[in-house]
Structures are given as structure tokens and as C-alpha cells.
PDB file of all heavy atoms in Angstrom:
ATOM      1  N   GLY A   1      -6.391   7.335   0.875  1.00  0.00           N
ATOM      2  CA  GLY A   1      -6.307   8.651   0.229  1.00  0.00           C
ATOM      3  C   GLY A   1      -4.904   8.977  -0.156  1.00  0.00           C
ATOM      4  O   GLY A   1      -4.431   8.568  -1.205  1.00  0.00           O
ATOM      5  N   GLU A   2      -4.189   9.707   0.673  1.00  0.00           N
ATOM      6  CA  GLU A   2      -2.868  10.218   0.420  1.00  0.00           C
ATOM      7  C   GLU A   2      -1.850   9.066   0.148  1.00  0.00           C
ATOM      8  O   GLU A   2      -1.007   9.175  -0.721  1.00  0.00           O
ATOM      9  CB  GLU A   2      -2.404  11.094   1.527  1.00  0.00           C
ATOM     10  CG  GLU A   2      -1.042  11.757   1.287  1.00  0.00           C
ATOM     11  CD  GLU A   2      -0.603  12.684   2.411  1.00  0.00           C
ATOM     12  OE1 GLU A   2      -1.496  13.161   3.117  1.00  0.00           O
ATOM     13  OE2 GLU A   2       0.632  12.855   2.569  1.00  0.00           O
ATOM     14  N   GLY A   3      -1.973   7.996   0.931  1.00  0.00           N
ATOM     15  CA  GLY A   3      -1.034   6.873   0.737  1.00  0.00           C
ATOM     16  C   GLY A   3      -1.081   6.275  -0.623  1.00  0.00           C
ATOM     17  O   GLY A   3       0.043   6.087  -1.231  1.00  0.00           O
ATOM     18  N   LEU A   4      -2.213   5.858  -1.052  1.00  0.00           N
ATOM     19  CA  LEU A   4      -2.331   5.258  -2.398  1.00  0.00           C
ATOM     20  C   LEU A   4      -2.003   6.280  -3.504  1.00  0.00           C
ATOM     21  O   LEU A   4      -1.426   5.889  -4.538  1.00  0.00           O
ATOM     22  CB  LEU A   4      -3.736   4.675  -2.595  1.00  0.00           C
ATOM     23  CG  LEU A   4      -4.072   3.433  -1.801  1.00  0.00           C
ATOM     24  CD1 LEU A   4      -5.486   3.063  -1.984  1.00  0.00           C
ATOM     25  CD2 LEU A   4      -3.148   2.288  -2.139  1.00  0.00           C
ATOM     26  N   GLN A   5      -2.360   7.470  -3.300  1.00  0.00           N
ATOM     27  CA  GLN A   5      -2.016   8.511  -4.306  1.00  0.00           C
ATOM     28  C   GLN A   5      -0.468   8.611  -4.484  1.00  0.00           C
ATOM     29  O   GLN A   5      -0.019   8.790  -5.636  1.00  0.00           O
ATOM     30  CB  GLN A   5      -2.578   9.875  -3.848  1.00  0.00           C
ATOM     31  CG  GLN A   5      -4.115   9.969  -3.967  1.00  0.00           C
ATOM     32  CD  GLN A   5      -4.646  11.187  -3.300  1.00  0.00           C
ATOM     33  OE1 GLN A   5      -3.884  12.106  -2.995  1.00  0.00           O
ATOM     34  NE2 GLN A   5      -5.934  11.225  -3.039  1.00  0.00           N
ATOM     35  N   GLN A   6       0.250   8.589  -3.395  1.00  0.00           N
ATOM     36  CA  GLN A   6       1.690   8.601  -3.480  1.00  0.00           C
ATOM     37  C   GLN A   6       2.265   7.429  -4.193  1.00  0.00           C
ATOM     38  O   GLN A   6       3.153   7.507  -5.062  1.00  0.00           O
ATOM     39  CB  GLN A   6       2.369   8.722  -2.038  1.00  0.00           C
ATOM     40  CG  GLN A   6       3.864   8.716  -2.013  1.00  0.00           C
ATOM     41  CD  GLN A   6       4.489   9.931  -2.714  1.00  0.00           C
ATOM     42  OE1 GLN A   6       4.431  10.992  -2.213  1.00  0.00           O
ATOM     43  NE2 GLN A   6       4.986   9.702  -3.876  1.00  0.00           N
ATOM     44  N   LEU A   7       1.718   6.258  -3.837  1.00  0.00           N
ATOM     45  CA  LEU A   7       2.197   5.007  -4.594  1.00  0.00           C
ATOM     46  C   LEU A   7       1.925   5.071  -6.071  1.00  0.00           C
ATOM     47  O   LEU A   7       2.807   4.670  -6.869  1.00  0.00           O
ATOM     48  CB  LEU A   7       1.561   3.777  -3.915  1.00  0.00           C
ATOM     49  CG  LEU A   7       1.980   3.470  -2.440  1.00  0.00           C
ATOM     50  CD1 LEU A   7       1.181   2.297  -1.919  1.00  0.00           C
ATOM     51  CD2 LEU A   7       3.464   3.092  -2.354  1.00  0.00           C
ATOM     52  N   GLU A   8       0.770   5.615  -6.368  1.00  0.00           N
ATOM     53  CA  GLU A   8       0.441   5.728  -7.801  1.00  0.00           C
ATOM     54  C   GLU A   8       1.298   6.680  -8.528  1.00  0.00           C
ATOM     55  O   GLU A   8       1.703   6.467  -9.714  1.00  0.00           O
ATOM     56  CB  GLU A   8      -1.053   6.126  -7.977  1.00  0.00           C
ATOM     57  CG  GLU A   8      -1.606   6.058  -9.383  1.00  0.00           C
ATOM     58  CD  GLU A   8      -1.570   4.755 -10.060  1.00  0.00           C
ATOM     59  OE1 GLU A   8      -1.599   3.704  -9.310  1.00  0.00           O
ATOM     60  OE2 GLU A   8      -1.429   4.691 -11.280  1.00  0.00           O
ATOM     61  N   ARG A   9       1.701   7.769  -7.851  1.00  0.00           N
ATOM     62  CA  ARG A   9       2.660   8.699  -8.440  1.00  0.00           C
ATOM     63  C   ARG A   9       3.981   8.045  -8.721  1.00  0.00           C
ATOM     64  O   ARG A   9       4.619   8.249  -9.796  1.00  0.00           O
ATOM     65  CB  ARG A   9       2.858   9.949  -7.568  1.00  0.00           C
ATOM     66  CG  ARG A   9       1.734  10.961  -7.598  1.00  0.00           C
ATOM     67  CD  ARG A   9       2.163  12.259  -6.977  1.00  0.00           C
ATOM     68  NE  ARG A   9       2.451  12.150  -5.611  1.00  0.00           N
ATOM     69  CZ  ARG A   9       1.483  12.329  -4.574  1.00  0.00           C
ATOM     70  NH1 ARG A   9       0.218  12.601  -5.002  1.00  0.00           N
ATOM     71  NH2 ARG A   9       1.786  12.169  -3.382  1.00  0.00           N
ATOM     72  N   TRP A  10       4.448   7.278  -7.711  1.00  0.00           N
ATOM     73  CA  TRP A  10       5.736   6.566  -7.963  1.00  0.00           C
ATOM     74  C   TRP A  10       5.676   5.579  -9.120  1.00  0.00           C
ATOM     75  O   TRP A  10       6.642   5.375  -9.855  1.00  0.00           O
ATOM     76  CB  TRP A  10       6.136   5.863  -6.631  1.00  0.00           C
ATOM     77  CG  TRP A  10       6.690   6.747  -5.596  1.00  0.00           C
ATOM     78  CD1 TRP A  10       7.347   7.933  -5.793  1.00  0.00           C
ATOM     79  CD2 TRP A  10       6.689   6.513  -4.180  1.00  0.00           C
ATOM     80  NE1 TRP A  10       7.711   8.448  -4.594  1.00  0.00           N
ATOM     81  CE2 TRP A  10       7.334   7.656  -3.607  1.00  0.00           C
ATOM     82  CE3 TRP A  10       6.221   5.511  -3.382  1.00  0.00           C
ATOM     83  CZ2 TRP A  10       7.561   7.730  -2.251  1.00  0.00           C
ATOM     84  CZ3 TRP A  10       6.395   5.595  -2.019  1.00  0.00           C
ATOM     85  CH2 TRP A  10       7.104   6.715  -1.437  1.00  0.00           C
ATOM     86  N   LYS A  11       4.466   4.961  -9.238  1.00  0.00           N
ATOM     87  CA  LYS A  11       4.348   4.006 -10.371  1.00  0.00           C
ATOM     88  C   LYS A  11       4.344   4.756 -11.731  1.00  0.00           C
ATOM     89  O   LYS A  11       5.001   4.338 -12.681  1.00  0.00           O
ATOM     90  CB  LYS A  11       3.038   3.255 -10.221  1.00  0.00           C
ATOM     91  CG  LYS A  11       2.843   2.198 -11.318  1.00  0.00           C
ATOM     92  CD  LYS A  11       1.541   1.435 -11.106  1.00  0.00           C
ATOM     93  CE  LYS A  11       1.310   0.421 -12.203  1.00  0.00           C
ATOM     94  NZ  LYS A  11       0.075  -0.375 -12.051  1.00  0.00           N
ATOM     95  N   ARG A  12       3.691   5.869 -11.792  1.00  0.00           N
ATOM     96  CA  ARG A  12       3.663   6.655 -13.058  1.00  0.00           C
ATOM     97  C   ARG A  12       5.056   7.176 -13.377  1.00  0.00           C
ATOM     98  O   ARG A  12       5.409   7.269 -14.542  1.00  0.00           O
ATOM     99  CB  ARG A  12       2.667   7.825 -12.924  1.00  0.00           C
ATOM    100  CG  ARG A  12       1.217   7.501 -12.937  1.00  0.00           C
ATOM    101  CD  ARG A  12       0.395   8.732 -13.233  1.00  0.00           C
ATOM    102  NE  ARG A  12       0.605   9.845 -12.286  1.00  0.00           N
ATOM    103  CZ  ARG A  12      -0.023  10.076 -11.214  1.00  0.00           C
ATOM    104  NH1 ARG A  12      -1.021   9.251 -10.827  1.00  0.00           N
ATOM    105  NH2 ARG A  12       0.268  11.105 -10.435  1.00  0.00           N
ATOM    106  N   GLU A  13       5.783   7.467 -12.342  1.00  0.00           N
ATOM    107  CA  GLU A  13       7.167   8.002 -12.593  1.00  0.00           C
ATOM    108  C   GLU A  13       8.177   6.918 -12.960  1.00  0.00           C
ATOM    109  O   GLU A  13       9.309   7.196 -13.277  1.00  0.00           O
ATOM    110  CB  GLU A  13       7.650   8.775 -11.363  1.00  0.00           C
ATOM    111  CG  GLU A  13       6.825  10.054 -11.063  1.00  0.00           C
ATOM    112  CD  GLU A  13       7.094  10.602  -9.664  1.00  0.00           C
ATOM    113  OE1 GLU A  13       7.821   9.987  -8.888  1.00  0.00           O
ATOM    114  OE2 GLU A  13       6.477  11.668  -9.327  1.00  0.00           O
ATOM    115  N   GLY A  14       7.774   5.672 -12.790  1.00  0.00           N
ATOM    116  CA  GLY A  14       8.644   4.543 -13.141  1.00  0.00           C
ATOM    117  C   GLY A  14       9.445   4.028 -11.933  1.00  0.00           C
ATOM    118  O   GLY A  14      10.262   3.126 -12.051  1.00  0.00           O
ATOM    119  N   PHE A  15       9.250   4.652 -10.774  1.00  0.00           N
ATOM    120  CA  PHE A  15       9.968   4.174  -9.585  1.00  0.00           C
ATOM    121  C   PHE A  15       9.429   2.865  -9.143  1.00  0.00           C
ATOM    122  O   PHE A  15      10.215   1.961  -8.689  1.00  0.00           O
ATOM    123  CB  PHE A  15       9.787   5.243  -8.452  1.00  0.00           C
ATOM    124  CG  PHE A  15      10.545   4.922  -7.243  1.00  0.00           C
ATOM    125  CD1 PHE A  15      11.889   4.559  -7.200  1.00  0.00           C
ATOM    126  CD2 PHE A  15       9.879   5.001  -5.983  1.00  0.00           C
ATOM    127  CE1 PHE A  15      12.573   4.268  -6.084  1.00  0.00           C
ATOM    128  CE2 PHE A  15      10.553   4.706  -4.802  1.00  0.00           C
ATOM    129  CZ  PHE A  15      11.886   4.343  -4.853  1.00  0.00           C
ATOM    130  N   LEU A  16       8.183   2.592  -9.279  1.00  0.00           N
ATOM    131  CA  LEU A  16       7.549   1.302  -8.933  1.00  0.00           C
ATOM    132  C   LEU A  16       7.050   0.634 -10.215  1.00  0.00           C
ATOM    133  O   LEU A  16       6.510   1.347 -11.050  1.00  0.00           O
ATOM    134  CB  LEU A  16       6.400   1.443  -7.956  1.00  0.00           C
ATOM    135  CG  LEU A  16       6.768   1.978  -6.532  1.00  0.00           C
ATOM    136  CD1 LEU A  16       5.470   2.100  -5.737  1.00  0.00           C
ATOM    137  CD2 LEU A  16       7.734   1.004  -5.827  1.00  0.00           C
ATOM    138  N   ARG A  17       7.160  -0.652 -10.236  1.00  0.00           N
ATOM    139  CA  ARG A  17       6.547  -1.449 -11.343  1.00  0.00           C
ATOM    140  C   ARG A  17       5.084  -1.748 -10.972  1.00  0.00           C
ATOM    141  O   ARG A  17       4.195  -1.588 -11.736  1.00  0.00           O
ATOM    142  CB  ARG A  17       7.325  -2.699 -11.600  1.00  0.00           C
ATOM    143  CG  ARG A  17       6.723  -3.539 -12.743  1.00  0.00           C
ATOM    144  CD  ARG A  17       7.648  -4.709 -13.082  1.00  0.00           C
ATOM    145  NE  ARG A  17       7.884  -5.620 -11.992  1.00  0.00           N
ATOM    146  CZ  ARG A  17       7.011  -6.558 -11.659  1.00  0.00           C
ATOM    147  NH1 ARG A  17       5.918  -6.749 -12.349  1.00  0.00           N
ATOM    148  NH2 ARG A  17       7.281  -7.330 -10.608  1.00  0.00           N
ATOM    149  N   GLU A  18       4.914  -2.259  -9.750  1.00  0.00           N
ATOM    150  CA  GLU A  18       3.615  -2.531  -9.205  1.00  0.00           C
ATOM    151  C   GLU A  18       3.632  -2.303  -7.740  1.00  0.00           C
ATOM    152  O   GLU A  18       4.688  -2.288  -7.092  1.00  0.00           O
ATOM    153  CB  GLU A  18       3.207  -4.027  -9.475  1.00  0.00           C
ATOM    154  CG  GLU A  18       3.015  -4.366 -10.954  1.00  0.00           C
ATOM    155  CD  GLU A  18       1.801  -3.706 -11.578  1.00  0.00           C
ATOM    156  OE1 GLU A  18       0.926  -3.217 -10.840  1.00  0.00           O
ATOM    157  OE2 GLU A  18       1.706  -3.749 -12.898  1.00  0.00           O
ATOM    158  N   TYR A  19       2.400  -2.197  -7.150  1.00  0.00           N
ATOM    159  CA  TYR A  19       2.292  -2.112  -5.680  1.00  0.00           C
ATOM    160  C   TYR A  19       0.992  -2.718  -5.254  1.00  0.00           C
ATOM    161  O   TYR A  19       0.043  -2.806  -6.064  1.00  0.00           O
ATOM    162  CB  TYR A  19       2.419  -0.645  -5.201  1.00  0.00           C
ATOM    163  CG  TYR A  19       1.264   0.236  -5.643  1.00  0.00           C
ATOM    164  CD1 TYR A  19       0.115   0.323  -4.934  1.00  0.00           C
ATOM    165  CD2 TYR A  19       1.372   1.009  -6.797  1.00  0.00           C
ATOM    166  CE1 TYR A  19      -0.917   1.114  -5.373  1.00  0.00           C
ATOM    167  CE2 TYR A  19       0.410   1.825  -7.228  1.00  0.00           C
ATOM    168  CZ  TYR A  19      -0.776   1.904  -6.479  1.00  0.00           C
ATOM    169  OH  TYR A  19      -1.829   2.663  -6.949  1.00  0.00           O
ATOM    170  N   LYS A  20       0.892  -3.092  -4.003  1.00  0.00           N
ATOM    171  CA  LYS A  20      -0.325  -3.615  -3.457  1.00  0.00           C
ATOM    172  C   LYS A  20      -0.356  -3.287  -2.019  1.00  0.00           C
ATOM    173  O   LYS A  20       0.660  -3.426  -1.301  1.00  0.00           O
ATOM    174  CB  LYS A  20      -0.421  -5.129  -3.715  1.00  0.00           C
ATOM    175  CG  LYS A  20      -1.816  -5.737  -3.453  1.00  0.00           C
ATOM    176  CD  LYS A  20      -1.829  -7.249  -3.652  1.00  0.00           C
ATOM    177  CE  LYS A  20      -1.625  -7.572  -5.167  1.00  0.00           C
ATOM    178  NZ  LYS A  20      -2.791  -7.189  -5.997  1.00  0.00           N
ATOM    179  N   VAL A  21      -1.550  -2.853  -1.486  1.00  0.00           N
ATOM    180  CA  VAL A  21      -1.677  -2.567  -0.056  1.00  0.00           C
ATOM    181  C   VAL A  21      -2.800  -3.449   0.467  1.00  0.00           C
ATOM    182  O   VAL A  21      -3.907  -3.375  -0.014  1.00  0.00           O
ATOM    183  CB  VAL A  21      -1.954  -1.059   0.175  1.00  0.00           C
ATOM    184  CG1 VAL A  21      -2.161  -0.849   1.698  1.00  0.00           C
ATOM    185  CG2 VAL A  21      -0.875  -0.200  -0.385  1.00  0.00           C
ATOM    186  N   LEU A  22      -2.442  -4.255   1.425  1.00  0.00           N
ATOM    187  CA  LEU A  22      -3.467  -5.181   2.038  1.00  0.00           C
ATOM    188  C   LEU A  22      -3.694  -4.765   3.485  1.00  0.00           C
ATOM    189  O   LEU A  22      -2.761  -4.311   4.183  1.00  0.00           O
ATOM    190  CB  LEU A  22      -2.948  -6.616   2.037  1.00  0.00           C
ATOM    191  CG  LEU A  22      -2.620  -7.174   0.649  1.00  0.00           C
ATOM    192  CD1 LEU A  22      -2.157  -8.647   0.861  1.00  0.00           C
ATOM    193  CD2 LEU A  22      -3.709  -7.050  -0.351  1.00  0.00           C
ATOM    194  N   PHE A  23      -4.955  -4.802   3.942  1.00  0.00           N
ATOM    195  CA  PHE A  23      -5.305  -4.504   5.244  1.00  0.00           C
ATOM    196  C   PHE A  23      -5.855  -5.719   5.947  1.00  0.00           C
ATOM    197  O   PHE A  23      -6.862  -6.282   5.503  1.00  0.00           O
ATOM    198  CB  PHE A  23      -6.298  -3.324   5.326  1.00  0.00           C
ATOM    199  CG  PHE A  23      -6.143  -2.448   6.592  1.00  0.00           C
ATOM    200  CD1 PHE A  23      -5.259  -1.399   6.563  1.00  0.00           C
ATOM    201  CD2 PHE A  23      -6.972  -2.700   7.673  1.00  0.00           C
ATOM    202  CE1 PHE A  23      -5.120  -0.642   7.683  1.00  0.00           C
ATOM    203  CE2 PHE A  23      -6.836  -1.928   8.747  1.00  0.00           C
ATOM    204  CZ  PHE A  23      -5.899  -0.832   8.814  1.00  0.00           C
ATOM    205  N   ASN A  24      -5.349  -6.066   7.125  1.00  0.00           N
ATOM    206  CA  ASN A  24      -5.826  -7.241   7.884  1.00  0.00           C
ATOM    207  C   ASN A  24      -7.297  -7.055   8.172  1.00  0.00           C
ATOM    208  O   ASN A  24      -7.685  -5.995   8.669  1.00  0.00           O
ATOM    209  CB  ASN A  24      -4.999  -7.314   9.162  1.00  0.00           C
ATOM    210  CG  ASN A  24      -5.200  -8.640   9.878  1.00  0.00           C
ATOM    211  OD1 ASN A  24      -6.203  -9.333   9.772  1.00  0.00           O
ATOM    212  ND2 ASN A  24      -4.194  -9.072  10.619  1.00  0.00           N
ATOM    213  N   ARG A  25      -8.119  -8.062   7.850  1.00  0.00           N
ATOM    214  CA  ARG A  25      -9.500  -7.983   8.089  1.00  0.00           C
ATOM    215  C   ARG A  25      -9.876  -7.947   9.551  1.00  0.00           C
ATOM    216  O   ARG A  25     -10.951  -7.435   9.939  1.00  0.00           O
ATOM    217  CB  ARG A  25     -10.233  -9.152   7.392  1.00  0.00           C
ATOM    218  CG  ARG A  25     -11.749  -9.145   7.492  1.00  0.00           C
ATOM    219  CD  ARG A  25     -12.320 -10.236   6.629  1.00  0.00           C
ATOM    220  NE  ARG A  25     -12.269  -9.901   5.172  1.00  0.00           N
ATOM    221  CZ  ARG A  25     -12.956 -10.555   4.267  1.00  0.00           C
ATOM    222  NH1 ARG A  25     -13.752 -11.606   4.630  1.00  0.00           N
ATOM    223  NH2 ARG A  25     -12.925 -10.188   2.989  1.00  0.00           N
ATOM    224  N   PHE A  26      -9.030  -8.454  10.399  1.00  0.00           N
ATOM    225  CA  PHE A  26      -9.293  -8.543  11.806  1.00  0.00           C
ATOM    226  C   PHE A  26      -8.271  -7.843  12.670  1.00  0.00           C
ATOM    227  O   PHE A  26      -7.127  -7.722  12.301  1.00  0.00           O
ATOM    228  CB  PHE A  26      -9.335 -10.009  12.277  1.00  0.00           C
ATOM    229  CG  PHE A  26     -10.279 -10.853  11.412  1.00  0.00           C
ATOM    230  CD1 PHE A  26      -9.755 -11.812  10.508  1.00  0.00           C
ATOM    231  CD2 PHE A  26     -11.587 -10.654  11.425  1.00  0.00           C
ATOM    232  CE1 PHE A  26     -10.547 -12.576   9.732  1.00  0.00           C
ATOM    233  CE2 PHE A  26     -12.466 -11.454  10.665  1.00  0.00           C
ATOM    234  CZ  PHE A  26     -11.951 -12.396   9.807  1.00  0.00           C
ATOM    235  N   VAL A  27      -8.693  -7.438  13.859  1.00  0.00           N
ATOM    236  CA  VAL A  27      -7.730  -6.904  14.846  1.00  0.00           C
ATOM    237  C   VAL A  27      -6.975  -8.128  15.436  1.00  0.00           C
ATOM    238  O   VAL A  27      -7.632  -9.064  15.969  1.00  0.00           O
ATOM    239  CB  VAL A  27      -8.426  -6.135  15.949  1.00  0.00           C
ATOM    240  CG1 VAL A  27      -7.446  -5.725  17.041  1.00  0.00           C
ATOM    241  CG2 VAL A  27      -9.169  -4.951  15.408  1.00  0.00           C
ATOM    242  N   ASP A  28      -5.652  -8.172  15.364  1.00  0.00           N
ATOM    243  CA  ASP A  28      -4.965  -9.295  15.728  1.00  0.00           C
ATOM    244  C   ASP A  28      -3.556  -8.848  16.205  1.00  0.00           C
ATOM    245  O   ASP A  28      -2.694  -8.475  15.420  1.00  0.00           O
ATOM    246  CB  ASP A  28      -4.801 -10.282  14.597  1.00  0.00           C
ATOM    247  CG  ASP A  28      -4.131 -11.628  14.940  1.00  0.00           C
ATOM    248  OD1 ASP A  28      -3.608 -11.730  16.090  1.00  0.00           O
ATOM    249  OD2 ASP A  28      -4.201 -12.545  14.070  1.00  0.00           O
ATOM    250  N   ASN A  29      -3.239  -8.939  17.463  1.00  0.00           N
ATOM    251  CA  ASN A  29      -2.042  -8.393  18.060  1.00  0.00           C
ATOM    252  C   ASN A  29      -0.794  -9.218  17.673  1.00  0.00           C
ATOM    253  O   ASN A  29       0.376  -8.808  17.958  1.00  0.00           O
ATOM    254  CB  ASN A  29      -2.090  -8.196  19.574  1.00  0.00           C
ATOM    255  CG  ASN A  29      -2.277  -9.522  20.300  1.00  0.00           C
ATOM    256  OD1 ASN A  29      -2.305 -10.528  19.759  1.00  0.00           O
ATOM    257  ND2 ASN A  29      -2.376  -9.370  21.592  1.00  0.00           N
ATOM    258  N   LYS A  30      -1.021 -10.387  17.080  1.00  0.00           N
ATOM    259  CA  LYS A  30       0.164 -11.248  16.702  1.00  0.00           C
ATOM    260  C   LYS A  30       0.557 -10.984  15.236  1.00  0.00           C
ATOM    261  O   LYS A  30       1.515 -11.538  14.751  1.00  0.00           O
ATOM    262  CB  LYS A  30      -0.141 -12.720  16.845  1.00  0.00           C
ATOM    263  CG  LYS A  30      -0.340 -13.113  18.316  1.00  0.00           C
ATOM    264  CD  LYS A  30      -0.629 -14.605  18.407  1.00  0.00           C
ATOM    265  CE  LYS A  30      -0.807 -14.993  19.906  1.00  0.00           C
ATOM    266  NZ  LYS A  30      -0.998 -16.498  20.049  1.00  0.00           N
ATOM    267  N   ASN A  31      -0.243 -10.172  14.519  1.00  0.00           N
ATOM    268  CA  ASN A  31       0.077  -9.938  13.150  1.00  0.00           C
ATOM    269  C   ASN A  31       0.006  -8.452  12.769  1.00  0.00           C
ATOM    270  O   ASN A  31      -0.456  -7.643  13.530  1.00  0.00           O
ATOM    271  CB  ASN A  31      -0.835 -10.743  12.256  1.00  0.00           C
ATOM    272  CG  ASN A  31      -0.512 -12.169  12.118  1.00  0.00           C
ATOM    273  OD1 ASN A  31       0.637 -12.476  11.766  1.00  0.00           O
ATOM    274  ND2 ASN A  31      -1.402 -13.110  12.386  1.00  0.00           N
ATOM    275  N   TRP A  32       0.461  -8.190  11.501  1.00  0.00           N
ATOM    276  CA  TRP A  32       0.434  -6.839  11.034  1.00  0.00           C
ATOM    277  C   TRP A  32      -1.040  -6.349  10.767  1.00  0.00           C
ATOM    278  O   TRP A  32      -1.936  -7.146  10.622  1.00  0.00           O
ATOM    279  CB  TRP A  32       1.212  -6.670   9.730  1.00  0.00           C
ATOM    280  CG  TRP A  32       1.031  -7.773   8.709  1.00  0.00           C
ATOM    281  CD1 TRP A  32       1.775  -8.854   8.539  1.00  0.00           C
ATOM    282  CD2 TRP A  32       0.019  -7.888   7.736  1.00  0.00           C
ATOM    283  NE1 TRP A  32       1.326  -9.648   7.500  1.00  0.00           N
ATOM    284  CE2 TRP A  32       0.175  -9.001   7.009  1.00  0.00           C
ATOM    285  CE3 TRP A  32      -1.122  -7.057   7.440  1.00  0.00           C
ATOM    286  CZ2 TRP A  32      -0.588  -9.450   5.947  1.00  0.00           C
ATOM    287  CZ3 TRP A  32      -1.968  -7.442   6.389  1.00  0.00           C
ATOM    288  CH2 TRP A  32      -1.726  -8.635   5.615  1.00  0.00           C
ATOM    289  N   ASP A  33      -1.210  -5.060  10.765  1.00  0.00           N
ATOM    290  CA  ASP A  33      -2.509  -4.449  10.437  1.00  0.00           C
ATOM    291  C   ASP A  33      -2.535  -4.157   8.922  1.00  0.00           C
ATOM    292  O   ASP A  33      -3.590  -4.239   8.337  1.00  0.00           O
ATOM    293  CB  ASP A  33      -2.765  -3.253  11.253  1.00  0.00           C
ATOM    294  CG  ASP A  33      -2.942  -3.568  12.707  1.00  0.00           C
ATOM    295  OD1 ASP A  33      -4.098  -3.951  13.098  1.00  0.00           O
ATOM    296  OD2 ASP A  33      -2.017  -3.439  13.524  1.00  0.00           O
TER     297      ASP A  33
END
């Protein structure tokens, strides 16, 4: 919701060229979520 909306605003404003948000498919305490 809010997170992707903020990233999209930054892209429209020219602050970001591209962005991507990935979410770990599994619960894994050795890696990022």
C-alpha cells in the first residue's frame, strides 16, 4: 500500500529511475524478509 505508493511518487518526480521490492517466499532467519 503506502510503501509502493511512495516509491512510485519518487519515480514520477525523477528521484528514482526504477525500483523493485521483493519479498522472501519463506520464513528464514538467516536471510532478509
